[in-house]
Amino acid sequence: MNLARDRIIQGRFFVQKAEEFSSDREAFRYFLEASIVAARSVTLLLQKQYSNVSGFEELYATVQKRLSEN
């Protein structure tokens, strides 16, 4: 399985759980934080997965630069 895609699915799962527990402040916070942790790991997993693919580093550097300007 693609680890980055799985982590995106995991993040969505935690967001859905946070919505289900919106009336329980503590549970909502825990699920929301878990979704953020999952989402932040996606780029690291992509870098690891595609580190051996020719041209990926250049592409990734271009995307990082564009995002930093936003």
N, C-alpha and C. Protein backbone atom coordinates (compact mmCIF):
# COMPACT_ATOMS: atom_id res chain seq x y z
N MET A 1 0.84 -1.19 0.00
CA MET A 1 0.00 0.00 0.00
C MET A 1 0.88 1.25 0.00
N ASN A 2 0.40 2.28 -0.60
CA ASN A 2 1.08 3.56 -0.62
C ASN A 2 0.94 4.20 0.75
N LEU A 3 2.06 4.38 1.45
CA LEU A 3 2.03 4.88 2.82
C LEU A 3 1.49 6.31 2.90
N ALA A 4 1.85 7.15 1.95
CA ALA A 4 1.35 8.54 1.98
C ALA A 4 -0.17 8.57 1.79
N ARG A 5 -0.66 7.77 0.85
CA ARG A 5 -2.11 7.72 0.62
C ARG A 5 -2.83 7.19 1.86
N ASP A 6 -2.24 6.18 2.48
CA ASP A 6 -2.82 5.61 3.70
C ASP A 6 -2.86 6.66 4.81
N ARG A 7 -1.84 7.49 4.91
CA ARG A 7 -1.80 8.52 5.95
C ARG A 7 -2.85 9.58 5.68
N ILE A 8 -3.13 9.89 4.42
CA ILE A 8 -4.20 10.84 4.08
C ILE A 8 -5.55 10.26 4.50
N ILE A 9 -5.75 9.00 4.21
CA ILE A 9 -6.99 8.32 4.62
C ILE A 9 -7.12 8.34 6.14
N GLN A 10 -6.01 8.09 6.82
CA GLN A 10 -6.00 8.11 8.28
C GLN A 10 -6.38 9.50 8.80
N GLY A 11 -5.82 10.54 8.20
CA GLY A 11 -6.15 11.90 8.61
C GLY A 11 -7.62 12.21 8.43
N ARG A 12 -8.18 11.78 7.32
CA ARG A 12 -9.62 11.99 7.08
C ARG A 12 -10.46 11.25 8.11
N PHE A 13 -10.03 10.05 8.46
CA PHE A 13 -10.73 9.27 9.48
C PHE A 13 -10.79 10.04 10.80
N PHE A 14 -9.65 10.60 11.20
CA PHE A 14 -9.61 11.33 12.46
C PHE A 14 -10.44 12.61 12.41
N VAL A 15 -10.50 13.26 11.27
CA VAL A 15 -11.35 14.45 11.13
C VAL A 15 -12.82 14.04 11.28
N GLN A 16 -13.21 12.95 10.66
CA GLN A 16 -14.59 12.46 10.80
C GLN A 16 -14.91 12.14 12.25
N LYS A 17 -13.96 11.50 12.93
CA LYS A 17 -14.17 11.19 14.35
C LYS A 17 -14.29 12.47 15.17
N ALA A 18 -13.48 13.46 14.86
CA ALA A 18 -13.56 14.74 15.57
C ALA A 18 -14.95 15.35 15.40
N GLU A 19 -15.47 15.28 14.18
CA GLU A 19 -16.82 15.80 13.92
C GLU A 19 -17.87 15.04 14.73
N GLU A 20 -17.71 13.73 14.83
CA GLU A 20 -18.65 12.91 15.60
C GLU A 20 -18.63 13.28 17.08
N PHE A 21 -17.48 13.70 17.57
CA PHE A 21 -17.32 14.00 18.99
C PHE A 21 -17.25 15.50 19.24
N SER A 22 -17.90 16.28 18.39
CA SER A 22 -17.82 17.74 18.52
C SER A 22 -18.38 18.25 19.85
N SER A 23 -19.26 17.48 20.48
CA SER A 23 -19.81 17.92 21.76
C SER A 23 -18.92 17.53 22.95
N ASP A 24 -17.94 16.68 22.71
CA ASP A 24 -16.98 16.28 23.74
C ASP A 24 -15.66 16.98 23.44
N ARG A 25 -15.43 18.08 24.10
CA ARG A 25 -14.29 18.95 23.79
C ARG A 25 -12.95 18.20 23.80
N GLU A 26 -12.74 17.36 24.80
CA GLU A 26 -11.47 16.65 24.91
C GLU A 26 -11.29 15.63 23.78
N ALA A 27 -12.30 14.83 23.51
CA ALA A 27 -12.21 13.85 22.43
C ALA A 27 -12.05 14.55 21.09
N PHE A 28 -12.78 15.64 20.89
CA PHE A 28 -12.66 16.41 19.66
C PHE A 28 -11.22 16.86 19.45
N ARG A 29 -10.62 17.41 20.51
CA ARG A 29 -9.25 17.89 20.42
C ARG A 29 -8.28 16.76 20.09
N TYR A 30 -8.44 15.62 20.73
CA TYR A 30 -7.53 14.49 20.48
C TYR A 30 -7.63 14.00 19.04
N PHE A 31 -8.85 13.87 18.54
CA PHE A 31 -9.02 13.41 17.16
C PHE A 31 -8.50 14.45 16.16
N LEU A 32 -8.74 15.72 16.45
CA LEU A 32 -8.26 16.77 15.56
C LEU A 32 -6.73 16.80 15.54
N GLU A 33 -6.12 16.68 16.70
CA GLU A 33 -4.66 16.65 16.76
C GLU A 33 -4.09 15.44 16.02
N ALA A 34 -4.76 14.29 16.14
CA ALA A 34 -4.31 13.09 15.42
C ALA A 34 -4.39 13.31 13.91
N SER A 35 -5.42 14.01 13.46
CA SER A 35 -5.54 14.28 12.02
C SER A 35 -4.42 15.20 11.55
N ILE A 36 -4.02 16.15 12.37
CA ILE A 36 -2.94 17.06 12.01
C ILE A 36 -1.61 16.31 11.94
N VAL A 37 -1.36 15.45 12.90
CA VAL A 37 -0.12 14.66 12.91
C VAL A 37 -0.06 13.78 11.66
N ALA A 38 -1.17 13.15 11.32
CA ALA A 38 -1.21 12.30 10.13
C ALA A 38 -0.94 13.13 8.88
N ALA A 39 -1.57 14.29 8.78
CA ALA A 39 -1.40 15.13 7.59
C ALA A 39 0.03 15.65 7.46
N ARG A 40 0.64 16.01 8.57
CA ARG A 40 2.01 16.55 8.51
C ARG A 40 3.03 15.50 8.10
N SER A 41 2.72 14.23 8.29
CA SER A 41 3.68 13.18 7.94
C SER A 41 3.64 12.81 6.46
N VAL A 42 2.64 13.27 5.74
CA VAL A 42 2.48 12.89 4.33
C VAL A 42 3.68 13.31 3.50
N THR A 43 4.15 14.53 3.67
CA THR A 43 5.27 14.98 2.84
C THR A 43 6.55 14.19 3.13
N LEU A 44 6.75 13.85 4.40
CA LEU A 44 7.93 13.04 4.74
C LEU A 44 7.86 11.66 4.10
N LEU A 45 6.66 11.08 4.11
CA LEU A 45 6.49 9.76 3.50
C LEU A 45 6.69 9.83 1.99
N LEU A 46 6.21 10.91 1.36
CA LEU A 46 6.42 11.08 -0.08
C LEU A 46 7.90 11.20 -0.40
N GLN A 47 8.62 11.98 0.40
CA GLN A 47 10.05 12.13 0.17
C GLN A 47 10.77 10.78 0.29
N LYS A 48 10.40 10.01 1.29
CA LYS A 48 11.03 8.70 1.47
C LYS A 48 10.68 7.76 0.32
N GLN A 49 9.40 7.74 -0.05
CA GLN A 49 8.94 6.82 -1.08
C GLN A 49 9.55 7.12 -2.45
N TYR A 50 9.71 8.39 -2.77
CA TYR A 50 10.16 8.77 -4.11
C TYR A 50 11.61 9.26 -4.15
N SER A 51 12.36 9.06 -3.09
CA SER A 51 13.73 9.56 -3.05
C SER A 51 14.61 8.97 -4.15
N ASN A 52 14.29 7.80 -4.63
CA ASN A 52 15.09 7.16 -5.68
C ASN A 52 14.56 7.42 -7.09
N VAL A 53 13.48 8.17 -7.20
CA VAL A 53 12.88 8.46 -8.50
C VAL A 53 13.59 9.67 -9.11
N SER A 54 14.07 9.50 -10.31
CA SER A 54 14.79 10.57 -10.99
C SER A 54 13.91 11.79 -11.17
N GLY A 55 14.42 12.95 -10.77
CA GLY A 55 13.70 14.21 -10.93
C GLY A 55 12.80 14.58 -9.78
N PHE A 56 12.59 13.67 -8.83
CA PHE A 56 11.67 13.97 -7.73
C PHE A 56 12.20 15.11 -6.86
N GLU A 57 13.47 15.09 -6.53
CA GLU A 57 14.02 16.12 -5.65
C GLU A 57 13.83 17.51 -6.25
N GLU A 58 14.06 17.64 -7.55
CA GLU A 58 13.88 18.94 -8.21
C GLU A 58 12.41 19.36 -8.19
N LEU A 59 11.53 18.41 -8.49
CA LEU A 59 10.09 18.69 -8.46
C LEU A 59 9.66 19.11 -7.07
N TYR A 60 10.11 18.38 -6.07
CA TYR A 60 9.72 18.66 -4.69
C TYR A 60 10.24 20.03 -4.25
N ALA A 61 11.47 20.37 -4.63
CA ALA A 61 12.02 21.68 -4.29
C ALA A 61 11.20 22.80 -4.92
N THR A 62 10.74 22.59 -6.15
CA THR A 62 9.91 23.58 -6.83
C THR A 62 8.58 23.76 -6.10
N VAL A 63 7.98 22.67 -5.70
CA VAL A 63 6.70 22.74 -4.98
C VAL A 63 6.89 23.42 -3.63
N GLN A 64 7.96 23.07 -2.91
CA GLN A 64 8.23 23.71 -1.62
C GLN A 64 8.41 25.21 -1.78
N LYS A 65 9.12 25.63 -2.80
CA LYS A 65 9.35 27.06 -3.03
C LYS A 65 8.02 27.77 -3.30
N ARG A 66 7.20 27.17 -4.16
CA ARG A 66 5.91 27.77 -4.48
C ARG A 66 5.03 27.88 -3.23
N LEU A 67 5.01 26.83 -2.41
CA LEU A 67 4.18 26.86 -1.22
C LEU A 67 4.68 27.87 -0.19
N SER A 68 5.99 28.03 -0.08
CA SER A 68 6.55 28.99 0.87
C SER A 68 6.23 30.42 0.48
N GLU A 69 6.00 30.66 -0.79
CA GLU A 69 5.66 32.00 -1.27
C GLU A 69 4.18 32.34 -1.07
N ASN A 70 3.40 31.32 -0.80
CA ASN A 70 1.96 31.50 -0.66
C ASN A 70 1.61 32.01 0.74
